[in-house]
């Protein structure tokens, strides 16, 4: 009986140690994403067509937040009244951490 008990306890100990290390790494290495990216991505048409020059709508939203995109009409399937005007209003209402409003045009 002790022949099987010792290896089981060793494996349980190793598993617990590795689980604790993974939990610690999850807390320390967490990447914080700007919540505005998800909100802008919801306002885009979500065709993920790539016609704007980015791999998809989330990448386009990220480029908007990072200031790389100044002209929303790069999104070919988007419409001014349905997609672009709500994005501009959202960006005006939600500045970044430094209270800087991202300036984009249609």
N, C-alpha and C. Protein backbone atom coordinates (compact mmCIF):
# COMPACT_ATOMS: atom_id res chain seq x y z
N UNK A 1 0.82 -1.20 0.00
CA UNK A 1 0.00 0.00 0.00
C UNK A 1 0.86 1.26 0.00
N UNK A 2 1.93 1.28 0.77
CA UNK A 2 2.80 2.45 0.81
C UNK A 2 3.58 2.60 -0.49
N UNK A 3 3.69 1.52 -1.25
CA UNK A 3 4.41 1.60 -2.52
C UNK A 3 3.66 2.50 -3.50
N UNK A 4 2.37 2.52 -3.46
CA UNK A 4 1.58 3.34 -4.36
C UNK A 4 1.24 4.71 -3.74
N UNK A 5 1.21 4.79 -2.42
CA UNK A 5 0.83 6.02 -1.75
C UNK A 5 1.87 7.12 -1.93
N UNK A 6 3.14 6.77 -1.81
CA UNK A 6 4.20 7.78 -1.94
C UNK A 6 4.22 8.43 -3.32
N UNK A 7 4.20 7.68 -4.44
CA UNK A 7 4.17 8.35 -5.76
C UNK A 7 2.92 9.21 -5.98
N UNK A 8 1.79 8.77 -5.46
CA UNK A 8 0.56 9.56 -5.60
C UNK A 8 0.70 10.88 -4.85
N UNK A 9 1.24 10.85 -3.64
CA UNK A 9 1.44 12.07 -2.87
C UNK A 9 2.44 13.00 -3.54
N UNK A 10 3.48 12.45 -4.13
CA UNK A 10 4.47 13.27 -4.84
C UNK A 10 3.81 13.96 -6.04
N UNK A 11 3.03 13.20 -6.81
CA UNK A 11 2.35 13.79 -7.96
C UNK A 11 1.33 14.84 -7.55
N UNK A 12 0.61 14.59 -6.46
CA UNK A 12 -0.32 15.60 -5.95
C UNK A 12 0.40 16.87 -5.52
N UNK A 13 1.55 16.73 -4.88
CA UNK A 13 2.34 17.88 -4.46
C UNK A 13 2.85 18.67 -5.66
N UNK A 14 3.35 17.96 -6.67
CA UNK A 14 3.83 18.64 -7.87
C UNK A 14 2.68 19.36 -8.58
N UNK A 15 1.54 18.71 -8.67
CA UNK A 15 0.37 19.33 -9.29
C UNK A 15 -0.08 20.58 -8.55
N UNK A 16 -0.09 20.52 -7.23
CA UNK A 16 -0.50 21.67 -6.43
C UNK A 16 0.50 22.82 -6.60
N UNK A 17 1.79 22.51 -6.61
CA UNK A 17 2.82 23.53 -6.78
C UNK A 17 2.71 24.19 -8.16
N UNK A 18 2.56 23.37 -9.20
CA UNK A 18 2.43 23.93 -10.54
C UNK A 18 1.14 24.72 -10.70
N UNK A 19 0.06 24.27 -10.09
CA UNK A 19 -1.20 25.02 -10.13
C UNK A 19 -1.06 26.37 -9.45
N UNK A 20 -0.38 26.41 -8.31
CA UNK A 20 -0.16 27.68 -7.62
C UNK A 20 0.71 28.61 -8.46
N UNK A 21 1.73 28.07 -9.12
CA UNK A 21 2.59 28.89 -9.98
C UNK A 21 1.80 29.45 -11.17
N UNK A 22 0.92 28.65 -11.75
CA UNK A 22 0.09 29.13 -12.86
C UNK A 22 -0.86 30.23 -12.40
N UNK A 23 -1.45 30.08 -11.23
CA UNK A 23 -2.34 31.10 -10.71
C UNK A 23 -1.58 32.41 -10.45
N UNK A 24 -0.38 32.31 -9.91
CA UNK A 24 0.45 33.49 -9.66
C UNK A 24 0.85 34.15 -10.98
N UNK A 25 1.25 33.35 -11.97
CA UNK A 25 1.63 33.89 -13.27
C UNK A 25 0.45 34.58 -13.93
N UNK A 26 -0.75 34.03 -13.77
CA UNK A 26 -1.95 34.65 -14.34
C UNK A 26 -2.18 36.03 -13.75
N UNK A 27 -1.96 36.18 -12.47
CA UNK A 27 -2.15 37.48 -11.81
C UNK A 27 -1.06 38.47 -12.22
N UNK A 28 0.19 38.02 -12.27
CA UNK A 28 1.30 38.92 -12.54
C UNK A 28 1.44 39.29 -14.00
N UNK A 29 1.05 38.42 -14.90
CA UNK A 29 1.25 38.63 -16.33
C UNK A 29 -0.03 39.02 -17.07
N UNK A 30 -1.03 39.46 -16.34
CA UNK A 30 -2.30 39.82 -16.96
C UNK A 30 -2.12 41.05 -17.86
N UNK A 31 -2.68 40.98 -19.06
CA UNK A 31 -2.61 42.08 -20.00
C UNK A 31 -3.93 42.84 -19.95
N UNK A 32 -3.84 44.11 -19.69
CA UNK A 32 -5.04 44.93 -19.61
C UNK A 32 -5.30 45.55 -20.99
N UNK A 33 -6.50 45.33 -21.50
CA UNK A 33 -6.89 45.87 -22.80
C UNK A 33 -7.84 47.04 -22.59
N UNK A 34 -7.69 48.04 -23.40
CA UNK A 34 -8.58 49.20 -23.33
C UNK A 34 -10.00 48.74 -23.65
N UNK A 35 -10.94 49.00 -22.75
CA UNK A 35 -12.32 48.53 -22.93
C UNK A 35 -13.01 49.25 -24.09
N UNK A 36 -12.46 50.38 -24.52
CA UNK A 36 -13.05 51.10 -25.65
C UNK A 36 -12.90 50.33 -26.95
N UNK A 37 -11.88 49.48 -27.05
CA UNK A 37 -11.68 48.69 -28.27
C UNK A 37 -12.88 47.78 -28.52
N UNK A 38 -13.33 47.09 -27.50
CA UNK A 38 -14.48 46.20 -27.64
C UNK A 38 -15.75 46.95 -27.98
N UNK A 39 -15.93 48.11 -27.38
CA UNK A 39 -17.13 48.89 -27.65
C UNK A 39 -17.14 49.42 -29.09
N UNK A 40 -16.00 49.87 -29.57
CA UNK A 40 -15.92 50.36 -30.94
C UNK A 40 -16.09 49.20 -31.92
N UNK A 41 -15.52 48.05 -31.59
CA UNK A 41 -15.67 46.88 -32.46
C UNK A 41 -17.14 46.48 -32.58
N UNK A 42 -17.92 46.66 -31.51
CA UNK A 42 -19.35 46.36 -31.58
C UNK A 42 -20.09 47.33 -32.49
N UNK A 43 -19.60 48.57 -32.58
CA UNK A 43 -20.25 49.58 -33.41
C UNK A 43 -19.90 49.45 -34.89
N UNK A 44 -18.83 48.73 -35.20
CA UNK A 44 -18.45 48.50 -36.60
C UNK A 44 -19.36 47.44 -37.20
N UNK A 45 -19.39 47.31 -38.54
CA UNK A 45 -20.31 46.35 -39.17
C UNK A 45 -19.97 44.88 -38.89
N UNK A 46 -18.76 44.59 -38.45
CA UNK A 46 -18.32 43.24 -38.08
C UNK A 46 -18.40 42.24 -39.23
N UNK A 47 -18.02 42.69 -40.42
CA UNK A 47 -17.89 41.78 -41.55
C UNK A 47 -16.52 41.12 -41.56
N UNK A 48 -15.54 41.73 -40.89
CA UNK A 48 -14.16 41.24 -40.86
C UNK A 48 -13.62 41.01 -42.26
N UNK A 49 -13.93 41.93 -43.17
CA UNK A 49 -13.58 41.76 -44.58
C UNK A 49 -12.14 42.16 -44.89
N UNK A 50 -11.56 43.04 -44.10
CA UNK A 50 -10.20 43.48 -44.35
C UNK A 50 -10.08 44.59 -45.38
N UNK A 51 -11.19 45.11 -45.86
CA UNK A 51 -11.12 46.16 -46.89
C UNK A 51 -10.55 47.47 -46.35
N UNK A 52 -10.50 47.61 -45.03
CA UNK A 52 -9.95 48.82 -44.42
C UNK A 52 -8.42 48.77 -44.32
N UNK A 53 -7.84 47.60 -44.60
CA UNK A 53 -6.40 47.46 -44.51
C UNK A 53 -5.94 46.80 -43.22
N UNK A 54 -6.87 46.40 -42.38
CA UNK A 54 -6.53 45.67 -41.16
C UNK A 54 -7.14 44.27 -41.24
N UNK A 55 -6.66 43.31 -40.45
CA UNK A 55 -7.15 41.95 -40.55
C UNK A 55 -8.61 41.74 -40.14
N UNK A 56 -9.22 42.68 -39.50
CA UNK A 56 -10.61 42.53 -39.08
C UNK A 56 -11.08 43.74 -38.32
N UNK A 57 -12.31 43.67 -37.84
CA UNK A 57 -12.92 44.82 -37.17
C UNK A 57 -12.26 45.13 -35.82
N UNK A 58 -11.82 44.12 -35.10
CA UNK A 58 -11.17 44.38 -33.81
C UNK A 58 -9.82 45.06 -34.04
N UNK A 59 -9.10 44.64 -35.07
CA UNK A 59 -7.83 45.30 -35.39
C UNK A 59 -8.07 46.74 -35.85
N UNK A 60 -9.15 46.98 -36.57
CA UNK A 60 -9.49 48.34 -36.99
C UNK A 60 -9.85 49.19 -35.78
N UNK A 61 -10.61 48.63 -34.84
CA UNK A 61 -10.96 49.35 -33.61
C UNK A 61 -9.70 49.66 -32.79
N UNK A 62 -8.77 48.71 -32.75
CA UNK A 62 -7.51 48.95 -32.04
C UNK A 62 -6.73 50.08 -32.70
N UNK A 63 -6.71 50.10 -34.03
CA UNK A 63 -6.01 51.17 -34.74
C UNK A 63 -6.67 52.52 -34.50
N UNK A 64 -7.98 52.54 -34.37
CA UNK A 64 -8.67 53.80 -34.05
C UNK A 64 -8.25 54.30 -32.68
N UNK A 65 -8.26 53.42 -31.69
CA UNK A 65 -7.90 53.81 -30.32
C UNK A 65 -6.45 54.25 -30.23
N UNK A 66 -5.56 53.59 -30.98
CA UNK A 66 -4.14 53.94 -30.94
C UNK A 66 -3.81 55.17 -31.77
N UNK A 67 -4.80 55.72 -32.48
CA UNK A 67 -4.59 56.93 -33.25
C UNK A 67 -4.01 56.70 -34.63
N UNK A 68 -3.93 55.45 -35.07
CA UNK A 68 -3.38 55.15 -36.39
C UNK A 68 -4.39 55.42 -37.50
N UNK A 69 -5.67 55.39 -37.18
CA UNK A 69 -6.73 55.63 -38.17
C UNK A 69 -7.39 56.96 -37.85
N UNK A 70 -7.38 57.86 -38.81
CA UNK A 70 -8.03 59.16 -38.63
C UNK A 70 -9.30 59.27 -39.47
N UNK A 71 -9.46 58.37 -40.44
CA UNK A 71 -10.59 58.44 -41.36
C UNK A 71 -11.39 57.15 -41.27
N UNK A 72 -12.59 57.24 -40.72
CA UNK A 72 -13.42 56.04 -40.53
C UNK A 72 -13.96 55.48 -41.83
N UNK A 73 -13.96 56.27 -42.89
CA UNK A 73 -14.49 55.77 -44.16
C UNK A 73 -13.58 54.73 -44.81
N UNK A 74 -12.44 54.44 -44.18
CA UNK A 74 -11.62 53.31 -44.65
C UNK A 74 -12.40 52.01 -44.53
N UNK A 75 -13.36 51.98 -43.63
CA UNK A 75 -14.24 50.81 -43.48
C UNK A 75 -15.29 50.89 -44.58
N UNK A 76 -15.09 50.11 -45.64
CA UNK A 76 -15.97 50.20 -46.81
C UNK A 76 -17.42 49.79 -46.54
N UNK A 77 -17.70 48.72 -45.78
CA UNK A 77 -19.10 48.36 -45.57
C UNK A 77 -19.82 49.24 -44.54
N UNK A 78 -19.08 50.07 -43.83
CA UNK A 78 -19.70 50.90 -42.80
C UNK A 78 -20.50 52.04 -43.39
N UNK A 79 -21.49 52.49 -42.64
CA UNK A 79 -22.36 53.59 -43.06
C UNK A 79 -22.23 54.72 -42.03
N UNK A 80 -22.29 55.95 -42.53
CA UNK A 80 -22.06 57.11 -41.66
C UNK A 80 -23.06 57.18 -40.52
N UNK A 81 -24.34 57.03 -40.83
CA UNK A 81 -25.35 57.20 -39.78
C UNK A 81 -25.45 55.99 -38.86
N UNK A 82 -25.17 54.81 -39.37
CA UNK A 82 -25.32 53.59 -38.57
C UNK A 82 -24.05 53.24 -37.79
N UNK A 83 -22.87 53.45 -38.39
CA UNK A 83 -21.64 53.01 -37.76
C UNK A 83 -20.73 54.16 -37.33
N UNK A 84 -20.47 55.09 -38.23
CA UNK A 84 -19.43 56.08 -37.97
C UNK A 84 -19.85 57.16 -36.98
N UNK A 85 -21.06 57.70 -37.11
CA UNK A 85 -21.50 58.73 -36.16
C UNK A 85 -21.56 58.21 -34.72
N UNK A 86 -22.06 56.99 -34.47
CA UNK A 86 -22.01 56.48 -33.09
C UNK A 86 -20.58 56.30 -32.57
N UNK A 87 -19.65 55.95 -33.45
CA UNK A 87 -18.25 55.80 -33.01
C UNK A 87 -17.69 57.16 -32.61
N UNK A 88 -17.95 58.17 -33.42
CA UNK A 88 -17.45 59.51 -33.10
C UNK A 88 -18.05 60.01 -31.79
N UNK A 89 -19.34 59.80 -31.59
CA UNK A 89 -19.98 60.21 -30.33
C UNK A 89 -19.42 59.43 -29.14
N UNK A 90 -19.18 58.14 -29.33
CA UNK A 90 -18.62 57.32 -28.25
C UNK A 90 -17.23 57.82 -27.88
N UNK A 91 -16.41 58.13 -28.87
CA UNK A 91 -15.05 58.60 -28.59
C UNK A 91 -15.07 59.96 -27.91
N UNK A 92 -16.02 60.81 -28.26
CA UNK A 92 -16.13 62.11 -27.58
C UNK A 92 -16.54 61.94 -26.12
N UNK A 93 -17.38 60.95 -25.85
CA UNK A 93 -17.87 60.74 -24.49
C UNK A 93 -16.90 59.93 -23.62
N UNK A 94 -15.95 59.24 -24.25
CA UNK A 94 -15.03 58.39 -23.51
C UNK A 94 -13.59 58.70 -23.88
N UNK A 95 -13.01 59.77 -23.31
CA UNK A 95 -11.60 60.08 -23.59
C UNK A 95 -10.68 59.05 -22.93
N UNK A 96 -9.38 59.11 -23.27
CA UNK A 96 -8.43 58.16 -22.69
C UNK A 96 -8.09 58.57 -21.26
N UNK A 97 -7.11 57.92 -20.67
CA UNK A 97 -6.76 58.16 -19.27
C UNK A 97 -6.25 59.58 -19.05
N UNK A 98 -5.71 60.21 -20.09
CA UNK A 98 -5.20 61.58 -19.98
C UNK A 98 -6.24 62.62 -20.39
N UNK A 99 -7.49 62.21 -20.50
CA UNK A 99 -8.61 63.07 -20.94
C UNK A 99 -8.41 63.61 -22.35
N UNK A 100 -7.68 62.86 -23.18
CA UNK A 100 -7.50 63.24 -24.57
C UNK A 100 -8.53 62.52 -25.42
N UNK A 101 -9.28 63.30 -26.20
CA UNK A 101 -10.29 62.73 -27.06
C UNK A 101 -9.66 62.36 -28.40
N UNK A 102 -9.94 61.17 -28.88
CA UNK A 102 -9.39 60.72 -30.15
C UNK A 102 -10.17 61.39 -31.27
N UNK A 103 -9.44 62.07 -32.16
CA UNK A 103 -10.07 62.83 -33.24
C UNK A 103 -10.11 61.98 -34.51
N UNK A 104 -11.28 61.59 -34.92
CA UNK A 104 -11.48 60.85 -36.17
C UNK A 104 -12.55 61.55 -37.00
N UNK A 105 -12.45 61.35 -38.29
CA UNK A 105 -13.40 61.95 -39.23
C UNK A 105 -14.09 60.85 -40.03
N UNK A 106 -15.18 61.20 -40.68
CA UNK A 106 -15.87 60.24 -41.55
C UNK A 106 -15.22 60.28 -42.91
